[in-house]
C-alpha atoms as a PDB file:
ATOM      1  CA  UNK A   1     -25.833  46.929  -8.441  1.00  0.00           C
ATOM      2  CA  UNK A   2     -22.765  47.106 -10.639  1.00  0.00           C
ATOM      3  CA  UNK A   3     -21.761  50.026  -8.350  1.00  0.00           C
ATOM      4  CA  UNK A   4     -22.357  48.014  -5.470  1.00  0.00           C
ATOM      5  CA  UNK A   5     -20.241  45.150  -7.543  1.00  0.00           C
ATOM      6  CA  UNK A   6     -17.601  46.865  -7.708  1.00  0.00           C
ATOM      7  CA  UNK A   7     -17.300  48.031  -4.411  1.00  0.00           C
ATOM      8  CA  UNK A   8     -17.555  44.600  -3.283  1.00  0.00           C
ATOM      9  CA  UNK A   9     -14.843  43.597  -5.536  1.00  0.00           C
ATOM     10  CA  UNK A  10     -12.467  46.649  -4.013  1.00  0.00           C
ATOM     11  CA  UNK A  11     -13.320  45.721  -0.900  1.00  0.00           C
ATOM     12  CA  UNK A  12     -12.391  41.190  -1.599  1.00  0.00           C
ATOM     13  CA  UNK A  13      -9.083  42.743  -3.063  1.00  0.00           C
ATOM     14  CA  UNK A  14      -7.912  45.559  -0.271  1.00  0.00           C
ATOM     15  CA  UNK A  15      -8.875  42.678   1.999  1.00  0.00           C
ATOM     16  CA  UNK A  16      -6.396  40.005  -0.112  1.00  0.00           C
ATOM     17  CA  UNK A  17      -3.942  42.778  -0.304  1.00  0.00           C
ATOM     18  CA  UNK A  18      -3.549  43.055   3.482  1.00  0.00           C
ATOM     19  CA  UNK A  19      -3.922  39.544   3.521  1.00  0.00           C
ATOM     20  CA  UNK A  20      -0.176  38.925   1.750  1.00  0.00           C
ATOM     21  CA  UNK A  21       1.134  42.305   3.414  1.00  0.00           C
ATOM     22  CA  UNK A  22       0.388  40.900   6.979  1.00  0.00           C
ATOM     23  CA  UNK A  23       1.373  37.264   5.860  1.00  0.00           C
ATOM     24  CA  UNK A  24       4.693  38.859   4.613  1.00  0.00           C
ATOM     25  CA  UNK A  25       5.150  40.087   8.187  1.00  0.00           C
ATOM     26  CA  UNK A  26       4.974  37.082   9.589  1.00  0.00           C
ATOM     27  CA  UNK A  27       7.208  35.618   7.272  1.00  0.00           C
ATOM     28  CA  UNK A  28       9.991  38.303   8.232  1.00  0.00           C
ATOM     29  CA  UNK A  29       9.522  37.815  11.955  1.00  0.00           C
ATOM     30  CA  UNK A  30       9.488  34.151  11.119  1.00  0.00           C
ATOM     31  CA  UNK A  31      12.935  33.954   9.673  1.00  0.00           C
ATOM     32  CA  UNK A  32      14.280  36.667  11.956  1.00  0.00           C
ATOM     33  CA  UNK A  33      13.590  34.897  15.095  1.00  0.00           C
ATOM     34  CA  UNK A  34      14.423  31.362  13.379  1.00  0.00           C
ATOM     35  CA  UNK A  35      17.705  32.868  11.751  1.00  0.00           C
ATOM     36  CA  UNK A  36      18.664  33.934  15.516  1.00  0.00           C
ATOM     37  CA  UNK A  37      17.651  30.209  16.963  1.00  0.00           C
ATOM     38  CA  UNK A  38      19.725  28.271  14.278  1.00  0.00           C
ATOM     39  CA  UNK A  39      22.946  30.753  15.036  1.00  0.00           C
ATOM     40  CA  UNK A  40      22.505  29.788  18.802  1.00  0.00           C
ATOM     41  CA  UNK A  41      22.117  27.076  17.593  1.00  0.00           C
ATOM     42  CA  UNK A  42      25.411  25.951  15.386  1.00  0.00           C
ATOM     43  CA  UNK A  43      27.458  27.770  18.096  1.00  0.00           C
ATOM     44  CA  UNK A  44      26.024  25.482  20.540  1.00  0.00           C
ATOM     45  CA  UNK A  45      26.962  22.123  18.298  1.00  0.00           C
ATOM     46  CA  UNK A  46      29.924  23.481  17.374  1.00  0.00           C
ATOM     47  CA  UNK A  47      31.333  23.681  20.976  1.00  0.00           C
ATOM     48  CA  UNK A  48      29.674  19.602  21.608  1.00  0.00           C
ATOM     49  CA  UNK A  49      32.245  18.754  18.404  1.00  0.00           C
ATOM     50  CA  UNK A  50      35.160  20.096  20.063  1.00  0.00           C
ATOM     51  CA  UNK A  51      34.497  18.575  22.761  1.00  0.00           C
ATOM     52  CA  UNK A  52      34.140  21.878  24.762  1.00  0.00           C
ATOM     53  CA  UNK A  53      33.844  21.734  28.761  1.00  0.00           C
ATOM     54  CA  UNK A  54      30.571  22.314  30.895  1.00  0.00           C
ATOM     55  CA  UNK A  55      31.595  25.814  32.133  1.00  0.00           C
ATOM     56  CA  UNK A  56      31.846  26.867  28.129  1.00  0.00           C
ATOM     57  CA  UNK A  57      28.522  24.702  27.279  1.00  0.00           C
ATOM     58  CA  UNK A  58      26.264  26.364  29.704  1.00  0.00           C
ATOM     59  CA  UNK A  59      26.214  29.605  28.723  1.00  0.00           C
ATOM     60  CA  UNK A  60      25.558  28.675  25.283  1.00  0.00           C
ATOM     61  CA  UNK A  61      22.752  26.447  26.200  1.00  0.00           C
ATOM     62  CA  UNK A  62      21.476  29.615  28.258  1.00  0.00           C
ATOM     63  CA  UNK A  63      21.696  31.350  24.819  1.00  0.00           C
ATOM     64  CA  UNK A  64      20.079  28.645  22.700  1.00  0.00           C
ATOM     65  CA  UNK A  65      17.279  27.617  25.113  1.00  0.00           C
ATOM     66  CA  UNK A  66      16.307  31.317  25.603  1.00  0.00           C
ATOM     67  CA  UNK A  67      15.936  32.263  21.846  1.00  0.00           C
ATOM     68  CA  UNK A  68      13.922  28.400  21.615  1.00  0.00           C
ATOM     69  CA  UNK A  69      11.627  29.937  24.372  1.00  0.00           C
ATOM     70  CA  UNK A  70      11.063  33.323  22.390  1.00  0.00           C
ATOM     71  CA  UNK A  71      11.074  30.977  19.582  1.00  0.00           C
ATOM     72  CA  UNK A  72       8.186  28.959  20.839  1.00  0.00           C
ATOM     73  CA  UNK A  73       6.195  32.566  22.513  1.00  0.00           C
ATOM     74  CA  UNK A  74       5.826  33.560  19.078  1.00  0.00           C
ATOM     75  CA  UNK A  75       4.359  30.928  17.448  1.00  0.00           C
ATOM     76  CA  UNK A  76       1.816  30.510  20.123  1.00  0.00           C
ATOM     77  CA  UNK A  77       0.840  34.255  20.192  1.00  0.00           C
ATOM     78  CA  UNK A  78       0.900  34.639  16.538  1.00  0.00           C
ATOM     79  CA  UNK A  79      -0.752  30.719  16.135  1.00  0.00           C
ATOM     80  CA  UNK A  80      -3.703  32.773  13.912  1.00  0.00           C
ATOM     81  CA  UNK A  81      -2.312  35.620  12.284  1.00  0.00           C
ATOM     82  CA  UNK A  82       0.312  33.707  10.754  1.00  0.00           C
ATOM     83  CA  UNK A  83      -1.526  30.009  10.394  1.00  0.00           C
ATOM     84  CA  UNK A  84       0.544  27.945  12.664  1.00  0.00           C
ATOM     85  CA  UNK A  85      -0.651  24.471  13.460  1.00  0.00           C
ATOM     86  CA  UNK A  86      -0.868  23.460  16.801  1.00  0.00           C
ATOM     87  CA  UNK A  87       0.878  20.073  16.130  1.00  0.00           C
ATOM     88  CA  UNK A  88       4.604  22.510  15.743  1.00  0.00           C
ATOM     89  CA  UNK A  89       3.601  24.489  18.188  1.00  0.00           C
ATOM     90  CA  UNK A  90       3.519  21.392  20.184  1.00  0.00           C
ATOM     91  CA  UNK A  91       6.940  20.237  18.925  1.00  0.00           C
ATOM     92  CA  UNK A  92       8.691  23.877  19.540  1.00  0.00           C
ATOM     93  CA  UNK A  93       7.298  23.306  23.469  1.00  0.00           C
ATOM     94  CA  UNK A  94       8.272  19.460  23.924  1.00  0.00           C
ATOM     95  CA  UNK A  95      12.056  20.690  21.815  1.00  0.00           C
ATOM     96  CA  UNK A  96      12.240  23.445  24.480  1.00  0.00           C
ATOM     97  CA  UNK A  97      11.457  21.342  27.886  1.00  0.00           C
ATOM     98  CA  UNK A  98      14.226  18.738  26.731  1.00  0.00           C
ATOM     99  CA  UNK A  99      16.662  21.361  25.862  1.00  0.00           C
ATOM    100  CA  UNK A 100      16.054  23.150  28.924  1.00  0.00           C
ATOM    101  CA  UNK A 101      16.634  20.089  31.072  1.00  0.00           C
ATOM    102  CA  UNK A 102      20.105  19.316  29.299  1.00  0.00           C
ATOM    103  CA  UNK A 103      20.718  22.817  30.134  1.00  0.00           C
ATOM    104  CA  UNK A 104      20.056  22.607  34.130  1.00  0.00           C
ATOM    105  CA  UNK A 105      22.042  19.579  34.186  1.00  0.00           C
ATOM    106  CA  UNK A 106      25.012  20.763  31.839  1.00  0.00           C
ATOM    107  CA  UNK A 107      25.201  24.194  34.099  1.00  0.00           C
ATOM    108  CA  UNK A 108      24.851  22.070  37.222  1.00  0.00           C
ATOM    109  CA  UNK A 109      28.138  20.129  36.356  1.00  0.00           C
ATOM    110  CA  UNK A 110      30.067  23.877  35.642  1.00  0.00           C
ATOM    111  CA  UNK A 111      28.827  25.493  38.829  1.00  0.00           C
ATOM    112  CA  UNK A 112      30.055  22.050  40.736  1.00  0.00           C
ATOM    113  CA  UNK A 113      33.299  22.422  38.574  1.00  0.00           C
ATOM    114  CA  UNK A 114      33.900  18.927  37.157  1.00  0.00           C
ATOM    115  CA  UNK A 115      33.714  17.245  34.198  1.00  0.00           C
ATOM    116  CA  UNK A 116      30.833  14.939  33.310  1.00  0.00           C
ATOM    117  CA  UNK A 117      33.262  11.523  33.865  1.00  0.00           C
ATOM    118  CA  UNK A 118      34.191  13.106  37.214  1.00  0.00           C
ATOM    119  CA  UNK A 119      36.016  16.169  38.628  1.00  0.00           C
ATOM    120  CA  UNK A 120      37.947  18.433  36.559  1.00  0.00           C
ATOM    121  CA  UNK A 121      41.188  18.201  38.407  1.00  0.00           C
ATOM    122  CA  UNK A 122      42.000  15.155  41.100  1.00  0.00           C
ATOM    123  CA  UNK A 123      41.305  15.462  44.592  1.00  0.00           C
ATOM    124  CA  UNK A 124      44.671  16.473  46.665  1.00  0.00           C
ATOM    125  CA  UNK A 125      46.358  13.235  47.761  1.00  0.00           C
ATOM    126  CA  UNK A 126      46.639  12.783  51.808  1.00  0.00           C
ATOM    127  CA  UNK A 127      43.623  12.735  54.103  1.00  0.00           C
ATOM    128  CA  UNK A 128      40.157  12.359  53.611  1.00  0.00           C
ATOM    129  CA  UNK A 129      39.773  15.932  54.674  1.00  0.00           C
ATOM    130  CA  UNK A 130      41.870  16.861  52.488  1.00  0.00           C
ATOM    131  CA  UNK A 131      40.191  15.238  49.657  1.00  0.00           C
ATOM    132  CA  UNK A 132      36.879  16.851  50.652  1.00  0.00           C
ATOM    133  CA  UNK A 133      38.017  20.083  50.655  1.00  0.00           C
ATOM    134  CA  UNK A 134      37.796  20.598  55.102  1.00  0.00           C
ATOM    135  CA  UNK A 135      40.230  22.271  57.024  1.00  0.00           C
ATOM    136  CA  UNK A 136      40.921  20.603  60.334  1.00  0.00           C
ATOM    137  CA  UNK A 137      44.175  22.325  61.751  1.00  0.00           C
ATOM    138  CA  UNK A 138      45.235  18.931  62.537  1.00  0.00           C
ATOM    139  CA  UNK A 139      49.122  17.886  61.119  1.00  0.00           C
ATOM    140  CA  UNK A 140      50.532  14.089  61.139  1.00  0.00           C
ATOM    141  CA  UNK A 141      53.552  15.560  61.365  1.00  0.00           C
ATOM    142  CA  UNK A 142      55.350  14.249  65.256  1.00  0.00           C
ATOM    143  CA  UNK A 143      54.205  16.241  68.211  1.00  0.00           C
ATOM    144  CA  UNK A 144      56.799  17.904  70.534  1.00  0.00           C
ATOM    145  CA  UNK A 145      56.823  14.766  73.075  1.00  0.00           C
ATOM    146  CA  UNK A 146      58.102  12.153  69.998  1.00  0.00           C
ATOM    147  CA  UNK A 147      54.922  10.906  69.523  1.00  0.00           C
ATOM    148  CA  UNK A 148      53.572  10.526  66.022  1.00  0.00           C
ATOM    149  CA  UNK A 149      49.893  12.073  67.509  1.00  0.00           C
ATOM    150  CA  UNK A 150      47.738  10.175  64.927  1.00  0.00           C
ATOM    151  CA  UNK A 151      46.637   7.507  67.589  1.00  0.00           C
ATOM    152  CA  UNK A 152      47.320   9.207  70.615  1.00  0.00           C
ATOM    153  CA  UNK A 153      44.552   9.861  72.454  1.00  0.00           C
ATOM    154  CA  UNK A 154      43.652  11.651  75.769  1.00  0.00           C
ATOM    155  CA  UNK A 155      45.016   9.208  77.850  1.00  0.00           C
ATOM    156  CA  UNK A 156      48.419   8.417  75.741  1.00  0.00           C
ATOM    157  CA  UNK A 157      49.119   6.451  72.507  1.00  0.00           C
ATOM    158  CA  UNK A 158      45.752   3.422  72.242  1.00  0.00           C
ATOM    159  CA  UNK A 159      47.572   1.323  70.196  1.00  0.00           C
ATOM    160  CA  UNK A 160      50.427   0.977  73.091  1.00  0.00           C
ATOM    161  CA  UNK A 161      48.128  -0.491  75.592  1.00  0.00           C
END
């Protein structure tokens, strides 16, 4: 009977030691992923404080969103092993969803080359086509016959009729 009790006690001790080793592994994984997430977040926050343009913020948001997605994936796949509460996973998923929405908006603005308040550079002055960036090949200068050409139609100047 005593040998059986010792065997059970030894099994409990081995189980407790392996559980604490697993917990330590979980903690080291959490620490490394969390450190990466915090570093990417700090870089993004610093750029935001400097009022960085969307072209600068877009890659930072992408990097942060990727780190946050890795964090969510870790939480989901190690829920039981690391004893992660469901609420923590739900909050991480919601945070990643919001980050992705902001990232998409910032990167969309960055792709158009515009600042949030309007164009990064003012459109060229002149005609509507030049403001839209459309080349028509049409010039407002006078034609060889002395007409302005702007109001000329196939049958002559519409304003002179």
